[in-house]
Protein backbone atom coordinates (compact mmCIF):
# COMPACT_ATOMS: atom_id res chain seq x y z
CA MET A 1 95.06 77.43 92.42
CA ARG A 2 93.38 74.27 93.52
CA ILE A 3 91.40 73.94 90.29
CA GLU A 4 93.18 75.43 87.32
CA PRO A 5 90.82 77.41 85.06
CA LEU A 6 90.45 76.27 81.46
CA THR A 7 92.82 77.96 79.04
CA GLU A 8 92.49 78.60 75.33
CA PRO A 9 91.94 77.01 72.96
CA PHE A 10 88.59 75.97 74.43
CA GLU A 11 86.74 72.98 73.04
CA PRO A 12 83.63 74.17 71.12
CA HIS A 13 81.00 73.45 73.79
CA ALA A 14 83.09 75.14 76.51
CA ALA A 15 83.72 78.11 74.21
CA GLU A 16 79.97 78.45 73.61
CA ILE A 17 79.13 78.37 77.33
CA LEU A 18 81.92 80.80 78.23
CA ALA A 19 80.90 83.22 75.49
CA ALA A 20 77.32 83.19 76.80
CA MET A 21 78.53 84.01 80.31
CA MET A 22 80.34 87.20 79.28
CA PRO A 23 79.42 90.39 77.44
CA PRO A 24 80.16 90.18 73.70
CA GLY A 25 83.86 90.48 72.90
CA VAL A 26 85.02 90.18 76.54
CA ALA A 27 87.32 87.31 77.42
CA PRO A 28 85.95 84.94 80.08
CA ILE A 29 87.06 85.63 83.64
CA ALA A 30 88.96 83.03 85.65
CA LEU A 31 85.93 82.11 87.77
CA PHE A 32 83.87 81.20 84.71
CA ARG A 33 86.81 79.30 83.22
CA THR A 34 86.97 77.38 86.51
CA PHE A 35 83.25 76.64 86.39
CA ALA A 36 83.78 75.34 82.86
CA LYS A 37 85.77 72.43 84.28
CA ASN A 38 82.26 71.08 84.96
CA LEU A 39 80.34 72.07 81.82
CA GLU A 40 76.97 70.75 82.95
CA MET A 41 77.20 72.77 86.16
CA ALA A 42 78.39 75.88 84.30
CA GLU A 43 75.53 75.60 81.85
CA ALA A 44 72.98 75.19 84.67
CA MET A 45 74.42 78.17 86.54
CA ARG A 46 74.34 80.42 83.51
CA GLN A 47 70.60 81.02 83.60
CA TRP A 48 70.42 81.79 87.33
CA GLY A 49 73.59 83.89 87.30
CA GLY A 50 72.28 85.72 84.27
CA TYR A 51 69.04 86.48 86.10
CA GLU A 52 70.89 87.77 89.17
CA LEU A 53 72.78 90.30 87.03
CA SER A 54 69.95 91.18 84.67
CA ARG A 55 67.39 93.94 84.48
CA HIS A 56 64.80 91.28 85.36
CA LEU A 57 66.01 91.27 88.97
CA SER A 58 63.44 93.27 90.90
CA VAL A 59 65.96 95.54 92.67
CA ASP A 60 68.07 98.24 91.08
CA LEU A 61 71.76 97.96 90.22
CA ARG A 62 72.86 99.95 93.28
CA SER A 63 70.92 97.76 95.71
CA ARG A 64 72.18 94.64 93.99
CA GLU A 65 75.80 95.73 94.15
CA ILE A 66 75.61 96.80 97.80
CA VAL A 67 74.41 93.31 98.72
CA ILE A 68 76.94 91.57 96.47
CA ASP A 69 79.94 93.66 97.55
CA ARG A 70 79.09 93.35 101.24
CA THR A 71 78.42 89.61 101.00
CA CYS A 72 81.66 88.94 99.14
CA ALA A 73 83.66 91.10 101.57
CA ARG A 74 82.11 89.39 104.60
CA CYS A 75 82.96 86.00 103.03
CA GLY A 76 86.53 87.22 102.51
CA CYS A 77 86.21 86.63 98.76
CA GLU A 78 88.60 89.19 97.34
CA TYR A 79 88.24 87.66 93.87
CA GLU A 80 84.49 88.21 93.39
CA TRP A 81 84.45 91.43 95.40
CA GLY A 82 87.20 92.81 93.12
CA VAL A 83 85.38 91.77 89.95
CA HIS A 84 82.19 93.53 91.08
CA VAL A 85 83.93 96.67 92.34
CA SER A 86 85.87 96.87 89.10
CA TYR A 87 82.89 96.41 86.78
CA PHE A 88 79.95 97.83 88.69
CA ALA A 89 80.90 100.24 91.51
CA GLU A 90 80.94 103.31 89.29
CA ARG A 91 77.72 102.31 87.51
CA ALA A 92 76.09 101.74 90.92
CA ARG A 93 77.21 105.23 91.99
CA LEU A 94 79.24 103.83 94.88
CA THR A 95 81.88 106.27 96.11
CA ASP A 96 85.33 105.16 97.23
CA ASP A 97 84.25 105.78 100.84
CA GLN A 98 81.20 103.58 100.32
CA VAL A 99 83.26 100.78 98.75
CA ARG A 100 85.68 101.11 101.68
CA SER A 101 82.74 100.86 104.11
CA LEU A 102 81.27 97.85 102.31
CA THR A 103 84.66 96.20 102.55
CA ALA A 104 85.60 96.91 106.16
CA GLY A 105 83.07 99.28 107.69
CA ALA A 106 79.52 99.25 108.96
CA ALA A 107 76.02 100.38 108.01
CA GLY A 108 76.37 103.29 110.45
CA ASP A 109 79.39 104.80 108.66
CA ASP A 110 78.98 108.47 107.73
CA CYS A 111 79.12 107.75 104.00
CA TRP A 112 75.69 106.06 104.13
CA ILE A 113 73.05 108.77 103.96
CA ASP A 114 70.21 106.77 102.43
CA ALA A 115 68.27 104.56 104.84
CA CYS A 116 67.78 101.98 102.09
CA ASP A 117 71.55 101.55 101.67
CA ARG A 118 71.99 101.09 105.43
CA VAL A 119 69.22 98.47 105.53
CA LEU A 120 70.83 96.56 102.65
CA ILE A 121 74.17 96.41 104.48
CA ARG A 122 72.50 95.19 107.67
CA PHE A 123 70.51 92.70 105.55
CA ALA A 124 73.71 91.21 104.12
CA ASP A 125 75.39 91.23 107.55
CA GLU A 126 72.54 89.50 109.38
CA LEU A 127 72.21 86.85 106.70
CA HIS A 128 75.97 86.25 106.85
CA ASP A 129 76.08 86.12 110.65
CA ALA A 130 72.83 84.31 111.46
CA SER A 131 71.50 82.84 108.19
CA ASP A 132 68.33 84.74 109.08
CA LEU A 133 66.95 88.25 109.56
CA SER A 134 65.77 89.68 112.86
CA ASP A 135 62.11 90.65 113.07
CA ASP A 136 63.12 94.32 113.38
CA LEU A 137 65.21 94.25 110.22
CA TRP A 138 62.51 92.30 108.37
CA GLN A 139 60.01 95.03 109.24
CA GLU A 140 62.40 97.78 108.07
CA ALA A 141 63.12 95.93 104.83
CA SER A 142 59.43 95.27 104.19
CA HIS A 143 58.74 99.04 104.34
CA LEU A 144 61.37 99.63 101.65
CA PHE A 145 61.02 96.55 99.44
CA SER A 146 58.17 94.42 98.09
CA ASP A 147 57.93 90.72 98.89
CA ALA A 148 59.31 89.97 95.41
CA GLN A 149 62.27 92.27 96.02
CA ILE A 150 62.99 90.73 99.43
CA LEU A 151 62.97 87.27 97.87
CA ASP A 152 65.41 88.48 95.20
CA LEU A 153 67.67 90.01 97.86
CA LEU A 154 67.65 86.82 99.95
CA MET A 155 68.56 84.69 96.94
CA LEU A 156 71.15 87.22 95.79
CA ALA A 157 72.96 87.06 99.13
CA GLY A 158 72.78 83.27 99.11
CA TRP A 159 74.02 83.06 95.52
CA TYR A 160 77.04 85.22 96.30
CA HIS A 161 77.81 83.13 99.38
CA ALA A 162 77.98 80.12 97.03
CA ILE A 163 80.10 82.05 94.53
CA SER A 164 82.40 83.24 97.33
CA PHE A 165 82.77 79.75 98.77
CA THR A 166 83.66 78.34 95.36
CA ALA A 167 86.10 81.10 94.38
CA ARG A 168 87.90 80.95 97.72
CA ALA A 169 88.02 77.17 98.12
CA ALA A 170 89.10 76.61 94.50
CA ALA A 171 91.68 79.40 94.95
CA VAL A 172 90.63 81.15 91.74
CA PRO A 173 93.45 83.55 90.77
CA LEU A 174 92.65 87.24 91.13
CA GLU A 175 91.81 89.09 87.92
CA PRO A 176 94.58 91.35 86.62
CA GLY A 177 93.83 94.99 87.37
CA ALA A 178 90.91 94.26 89.71
CA PRO A 179 91.04 96.11 93.03
CA ARG A 180 92.24 94.38 96.18
CA PHE A 181 90.88 94.67 99.70
CA ALA A 182 94.06 96.55 100.67
CA ASP A 183 93.23 99.22 98.09
CA TYR A 184 90.25 100.14 100.28
CA GLY A 185 91.85 99.77 103.70
CA ASP A 186 90.93 102.54 106.09
CA ALA A 187 92.82 104.61 108.63
CA THR A 188 92.02 102.19 111.45
CA GLY A 189 93.55 99.30 109.53
CA ARG A 190 90.34 97.27 109.73
CA SER A 191 90.07 94.30 107.43
CA PRO A 192 86.90 92.71 106.05
CA LYS A 193 84.85 91.19 108.85
């Protein structure tokens, strides 16, 4: 750890912010306890992060999680990838093969039947590799998603780059029980790109 997460007992303002960042009755994760070392930043992030994970986001849970999982894997952020796989993969109806593919595979893997899923993976990959989308991919995405949805997807990928950078650089400790990249290694031994 480069920045040690806050530990209990939390001072009242930190406890309030941390409680607002988590579902009721769930202890705050290490990343949020790390953010709470800068309470003003944590408080400012809470609204945007809450939007990104809310029903107000214009894309569905599955689309959101495909972009998040792929972005975190491409950034090599095992921490945030593991948190999302642990909490959301089943709800997003992602199979083990699909999680494996998001971690170390490609949009053309056999597990991806839906064209929308394949476009989302390519979307996350192109943004990661080029900080832009090719005209061809933009056209494909615009046939599947509205302008509002594309804007949400662009910001979602960017947000999870920022989260990945912070979690990795601060060396946030992995959550107990969360999956690891190695849990989804494939027969070729590929690792996240």
